[in-house]
Amino acid sequence: MDLKLKVWRQKDSASKGKFEIYNAPNINPHMSFLEMLDVINEDLIHANQDPIAFDHDCREGICGACSLTVDGKPHGPEKGTTACQLHMRHFKHGNTITVEPWRAKAFPVIKDLIVDRSAFDRIIESGGYVSVNTGSAPEANMSPVPKHAADSAMDSAACIGCGACVAACPNASGMLFVAAKVSQLALLPQGQVEREKRVLSMVRTMDDENFGNCTNHYECEAACPKEISVGFIAKMNREYLRASLCDSGSAGNTKDAVN
């Protein structure tokens, strides 16, 4: 199949970017989207041109590194799929495909299709640790977890931190990501000691990193490759309100997370 790519090129965060057009002839429909970009880059290298910079690692839908906006949709048109799992058979011969980086103030462009998502790392870091006894592993049955709580915690833990939720949100909100991380530990006995401190700190850091507020567009859930439910945002709002009532002094320096 023959395709045309309209790719965002930007030398660095200080430079002005623009779209450039590349022809992609004889593309195997069984290739993944990233493999197709590899082929384009090989041709650019052979022509002594700068290859397209894009982020990737596992290429198995696990790491969340493949942060590409394909035809206006984070990770592309397929639901519940990362860009590395998107295959060229989902496009048609002669298509023009537009490829961009995430568009969010909190995710500045580093080069071409690569953005700086370290804001997520700082949010996670602000959540701190869990207090556990050191020594040998405890007997599993010593900390019983109801099945509904275990299932919900596993659902929230599925978040790979790719940032598609931020890229899809009209407000560039990081609420779904933070909600998934807060909910995961709030649902388990291991996360109870720092429960209030964790949600207050993570929401505060999210606000400091210039993410927008959630106004219930639900675009985050639609774009999430792991299909994380927006129900976790409601869970985080309850956690935040609960923590605020327990520690009104700490919450006073933080924006209201309850919409």
Protein backbone atom coordinates (compact mmCIF):
# COMPACT_ATOMS: atom_id res chain seq x y z
CA MET A 1 0.00 0.00 0.00
CA ASP A 2 1.16 3.54 -0.77
CA LEU A 3 0.67 6.23 1.85
CA LYS A 4 1.54 9.86 2.44
CA LEU A 5 2.64 11.07 5.87
CA LYS A 6 2.18 14.57 7.22
CA VAL A 7 4.61 14.62 10.15
CA TRP A 8 5.29 17.33 12.72
CA ARG A 9 9.00 18.26 12.72
CA GLN A 10 10.48 20.43 15.44
CA LYS A 11 14.20 20.70 16.16
CA ASP A 12 13.79 21.40 19.89
CA SER A 13 11.45 23.04 22.39
CA ALA A 14 12.77 26.50 21.56
CA SER A 15 12.31 26.14 17.80
CA LYS A 16 9.20 26.67 15.75
CA GLY A 17 7.82 23.44 14.34
CA LYS A 18 6.01 22.64 11.10
CA PHE A 19 4.48 19.76 9.19
CA GLU A 20 6.52 18.04 6.50
CA ILE A 21 5.24 15.62 3.87
CA TYR A 22 6.80 12.19 3.29
CA ASN A 23 5.83 9.51 0.79
CA ALA A 24 5.57 5.98 2.15
CA PRO A 25 5.38 3.56 -0.82
CA ASN A 26 5.01 -0.22 -0.67
CA ILE A 27 4.08 -0.37 3.00
CA ASN A 28 3.27 -3.86 4.26
CA PRO A 29 -0.23 -3.76 5.83
CA HIS A 30 0.95 -6.18 8.53
CA MET A 31 3.51 -3.68 9.84
CA SER A 32 2.87 -1.83 13.05
CA PHE A 33 2.72 1.96 12.90
CA LEU A 34 6.16 2.25 14.49
CA GLU A 35 7.65 -0.26 12.05
CA MET A 36 6.30 1.90 9.25
CA LEU A 37 8.07 4.91 10.79
CA ASP A 38 11.25 2.81 11.00
CA VAL A 39 11.07 2.24 7.25
CA ILE A 40 10.58 5.95 6.60
CA ASN A 41 13.54 6.74 8.84
CA GLU A 42 15.79 4.27 7.02
CA ASP A 43 15.03 6.06 3.76
CA LEU A 44 15.73 9.45 5.38
CA ILE A 45 19.05 8.23 6.79
CA HIS A 46 20.10 6.84 3.41
CA ALA A 47 19.27 10.26 1.92
CA ASN A 48 21.44 11.96 4.58
CA GLN A 49 18.40 13.59 6.17
CA ASP A 50 17.48 13.86 9.84
CA PRO A 51 15.23 10.91 10.83
CA ILE A 52 11.90 11.48 12.54
CA ALA A 53 12.36 11.40 16.30
CA PHE A 54 9.69 9.43 18.15
CA ASP A 55 9.54 7.69 21.52
CA HIS A 56 9.29 3.92 21.92
CA ASP A 57 10.49 1.08 24.11
CA CYS A 58 8.64 -2.22 24.58
CA ARG A 59 6.46 -2.04 21.44
CA GLU A 60 4.04 -4.37 23.24
CA GLY A 61 1.55 -1.88 24.66
CA ILE A 62 3.09 -2.03 28.14
CA CYS A 63 5.47 0.90 28.62
CA GLY A 64 3.33 3.79 27.32
CA ALA A 65 6.26 5.41 25.53
CA CYS A 66 4.73 5.50 22.03
CA SER A 67 3.08 8.88 22.51
CA LEU A 68 1.83 9.71 19.02
CA THR A 69 -1.27 11.54 17.87
CA VAL A 70 -2.43 9.87 14.65
CA ASP A 71 -5.04 11.69 12.56
CA GLY A 72 -5.99 13.80 15.57
CA LYS A 73 -6.43 10.90 17.98
CA PRO A 74 -3.93 9.89 20.67
CA HIS A 75 -2.53 6.45 19.73
CA GLY A 76 -4.64 6.43 16.57
CA PRO A 77 -8.16 5.43 15.56
CA GLU A 78 -8.35 1.99 17.17
CA LYS A 79 -9.96 1.81 20.63
CA GLY A 80 -7.93 0.33 23.48
CA THR A 81 -4.74 0.28 21.40
CA THR A 82 -1.35 1.93 21.79
CA ALA A 83 0.44 3.39 18.76
CA CYS A 84 2.92 0.49 18.74
CA GLN A 85 0.01 -1.96 18.51
CA LEU A 86 -1.70 -0.04 15.71
CA HIS A 87 -1.25 -1.86 12.39
CA MET A 88 -1.18 -0.39 8.92
CA ARG A 89 -4.05 -2.63 7.78
CA HIS A 90 -6.36 -0.18 9.56
CA PHE A 91 -5.50 2.42 6.90
CA LYS A 92 -6.30 2.42 3.19
CA HIS A 93 -4.12 2.67 0.11
CA GLY A 94 -3.60 6.33 -0.76
CA ASN A 95 -4.41 7.68 2.71
CA THR A 96 -2.68 10.80 4.03
CA ILE A 97 -1.87 10.23 7.71
CA THR A 98 -1.16 13.14 10.04
CA VAL A 99 1.27 12.38 12.87
CA GLU A 100 1.78 14.81 15.76
CA PRO A 101 3.13 14.81 19.33
CA TRP A 102 0.92 15.16 22.40
CA ARG A 103 -0.42 18.72 22.59
CA ALA A 104 -0.39 19.94 26.21
CA LYS A 105 1.32 22.70 28.15
CA ALA A 106 2.49 20.16 30.73
CA PHE A 107 4.13 18.06 27.96
CA PRO A 108 6.57 20.37 26.12
CA VAL A 109 7.99 19.06 22.85
CA ILE A 110 11.60 17.83 23.07
CA LYS A 111 12.00 17.04 19.38
CA ASP A 112 9.60 16.14 16.57
CA LEU A 113 7.16 13.62 18.08
CA ILE A 114 8.86 13.30 21.49
CA VAL A 115 7.45 15.21 24.45
CA ASP A 116 8.68 15.65 28.01
CA ARG A 117 6.31 13.69 30.27
CA SER A 118 8.41 14.02 33.41
CA ALA A 119 5.50 15.90 35.01
CA PHE A 120 3.92 12.47 35.52
CA ASP A 121 7.09 11.28 37.25
CA ARG A 122 6.98 14.21 39.65
CA ILE A 123 3.33 13.48 40.46
CA ILE A 124 4.19 9.86 41.26
CA GLU A 125 7.19 10.97 43.32
CA SER A 126 5.02 13.33 45.35
CA GLY A 127 2.81 10.38 46.30
CA GLY A 128 5.63 9.02 48.44
CA TYR A 129 5.93 5.49 49.72
CA VAL A 130 3.78 3.00 51.59
CA SER A 131 4.64 2.08 55.19
CA VAL A 132 5.28 -1.64 55.49
CA ASN A 133 7.14 -3.81 57.96
CA THR A 134 10.56 -4.96 56.78
CA GLY A 135 11.64 -8.56 56.88
CA SER A 136 10.33 -11.65 55.15
CA ALA A 137 7.21 -11.53 53.01
CA PRO A 138 4.04 -11.79 55.12
CA GLU A 139 1.52 -14.55 54.62
CA ALA A 140 -0.86 -13.43 51.86
CA ASN A 141 -3.96 -14.26 53.88
CA MET A 142 -2.83 -11.90 56.66
CA SER A 143 -4.14 -8.96 54.61
CA PRO A 144 -7.47 -10.06 53.14
CA VAL A 145 -8.74 -7.88 50.31
CA PRO A 146 -12.38 -8.06 49.15
CA LYS A 147 -12.63 -9.26 45.56
CA HIS A 148 -14.42 -6.13 44.34
CA ALA A 149 -11.64 -3.96 45.82
CA ALA A 150 -8.91 -6.17 44.36
CA ASP A 151 -10.56 -6.11 40.92
CA SER A 152 -10.96 -2.33 41.02
CA ALA A 153 -7.37 -1.83 42.18
CA MET A 154 -6.16 -4.02 39.33
CA ASP A 155 -8.22 -1.98 36.85
CA SER A 156 -6.66 1.27 38.04
CA ALA A 157 -3.18 -0.28 38.11
CA ALA A 158 -3.53 -1.02 34.39
CA CYS A 159 -2.67 2.65 33.69
CA ILE A 160 0.65 2.79 31.81
CA GLY A 161 1.13 6.55 32.21
CA CYS A 162 1.29 7.24 28.49
CA GLY A 163 -0.47 10.61 28.69
CA ALA A 164 -3.12 9.94 26.04
CA CYS A 165 -5.75 11.15 28.51
CA VAL A 166 -4.00 14.52 28.73
CA ALA A 167 -3.58 14.79 24.96
CA ALA A 168 -7.26 13.97 24.34
CA CYS A 169 -8.71 16.30 26.97
CA PRO A 170 -9.72 19.79 25.73
CA ASN A 171 -8.36 21.12 29.03
CA ALA A 172 -5.20 18.96 29.01
CA SER A 173 -6.29 17.56 32.36
CA GLY A 174 -4.18 14.95 34.15
CA MET A 175 -7.07 13.83 36.36
CA LEU A 176 -7.50 10.32 34.93
CA PHE A 177 -3.82 9.49 35.38
CA VAL A 178 -3.68 10.85 38.93
CA ALA A 179 -7.01 9.23 39.79
CA ALA A 180 -5.78 5.83 38.65
CA LYS A 181 -2.61 6.11 40.75
CA VAL A 182 -4.45 7.42 43.81
CA SER A 183 -7.22 4.83 43.58
CA GLN A 184 -4.86 1.89 43.18
CA LEU A 185 -3.39 2.34 46.68
CA ALA A 186 -6.52 3.77 48.31
CA LEU A 187 -8.33 0.51 47.54
CA LEU A 188 -5.67 -1.73 49.11
CA PRO A 189 -4.72 -2.20 52.78
CA GLN A 190 -1.07 -1.42 52.00
CA GLY A 191 -1.99 2.13 51.01
CA GLN A 192 -4.03 3.14 54.03
CA VAL A 193 -1.36 4.73 56.26
CA GLU A 194 -0.50 7.55 53.83
CA ARG A 195 -3.94 7.64 52.20
CA GLU A 196 -4.85 11.27 53.00
CA LYS A 197 -1.35 12.66 52.61
CA ARG A 198 -0.93 10.94 49.24
CA VAL A 199 -4.00 12.33 47.49
CA LEU A 200 -3.43 15.87 48.78
CA SER A 201 0.19 15.86 47.65
CA MET A 202 -0.47 14.32 44.23
CA VAL A 203 -3.34 16.69 43.41
CA ARG A 204 -1.23 19.66 44.53
CA THR A 205 1.64 18.56 42.30
CA MET A 206 -0.73 18.01 39.38
CA ASP A 207 -1.92 21.60 39.74
CA ASP A 208 1.65 22.89 40.02
CA GLU A 209 2.55 21.12 36.76
CA ASN A 210 -0.03 23.20 34.81
CA PHE A 211 -2.47 20.45 33.93
CA GLY A 212 -6.02 21.65 33.31
CA ASN A 213 -9.13 20.80 35.31
CA CYS A 214 -11.59 18.03 34.51
CA THR A 215 -14.90 19.24 33.06
CA ASN A 216 -16.32 15.80 32.27
CA HIS A 217 -15.75 15.59 28.52
CA TYR A 218 -14.94 11.86 28.91
CA GLU A 219 -12.38 12.13 26.10
CA CYS A 220 -9.73 10.74 28.47
CA GLU A 221 -11.57 7.44 28.88
CA ALA A 222 -12.19 7.20 25.13
CA ALA A 223 -8.50 7.72 24.32
CA CYS A 224 -7.02 5.56 27.09
CA PRO A 225 -5.34 2.48 25.56
CA LYS A 226 -6.09 0.55 28.77
CA GLU A 227 -9.68 1.86 28.93
CA ILE A 228 -9.35 3.27 32.45
CA SER A 229 -12.80 4.34 33.66
CA VAL A 230 -13.58 7.98 34.53
CA GLY A 231 -15.23 6.46 37.60
CA PHE A 232 -11.78 6.61 39.18
CA ILE A 233 -11.88 10.41 38.92
CA ALA A 234 -15.00 10.36 41.09
CA LYS A 235 -13.13 8.05 43.48
CA MET A 236 -10.21 10.49 43.65
CA ASN A 237 -12.55 13.43 44.26
CA ARG A 238 -14.04 11.56 47.22
CA GLU A 239 -10.56 10.74 48.49
CA TYR A 240 -9.54 14.38 48.14
CA LEU A 241 -12.64 15.64 49.98
CA ARG A 242 -12.12 13.09 52.74
CA ALA A 243 -8.46 14.08 53.13
CA SER A 244 -9.34 17.79 53.07
CA LEU A 245 -11.76 17.33 55.95
CA CYS A 246 -9.09 15.46 57.88
CA ASP A 247 -6.40 18.04 57.16
CA SER A 248 -7.97 21.35 56.16
CA GLY A 249 -4.64 23.14 56.61
CA SER A 250 -2.90 21.05 53.96
CA ALA A 251 -5.82 21.27 51.57
CA GLY A 252 -5.96 25.05 51.86
CA ASN A 253 -2.96 25.46 49.57
CA THR A 254 -4.41 23.23 46.87
CA LYS A 255 -6.93 23.96 44.13
CA ASP A 256 -10.32 22.38 44.60
CA ALA A 257 -10.18 18.97 42.90
CA VAL A 258 -13.91 18.41 43.20
CA ASN A 259 -15.74 19.53 40.05
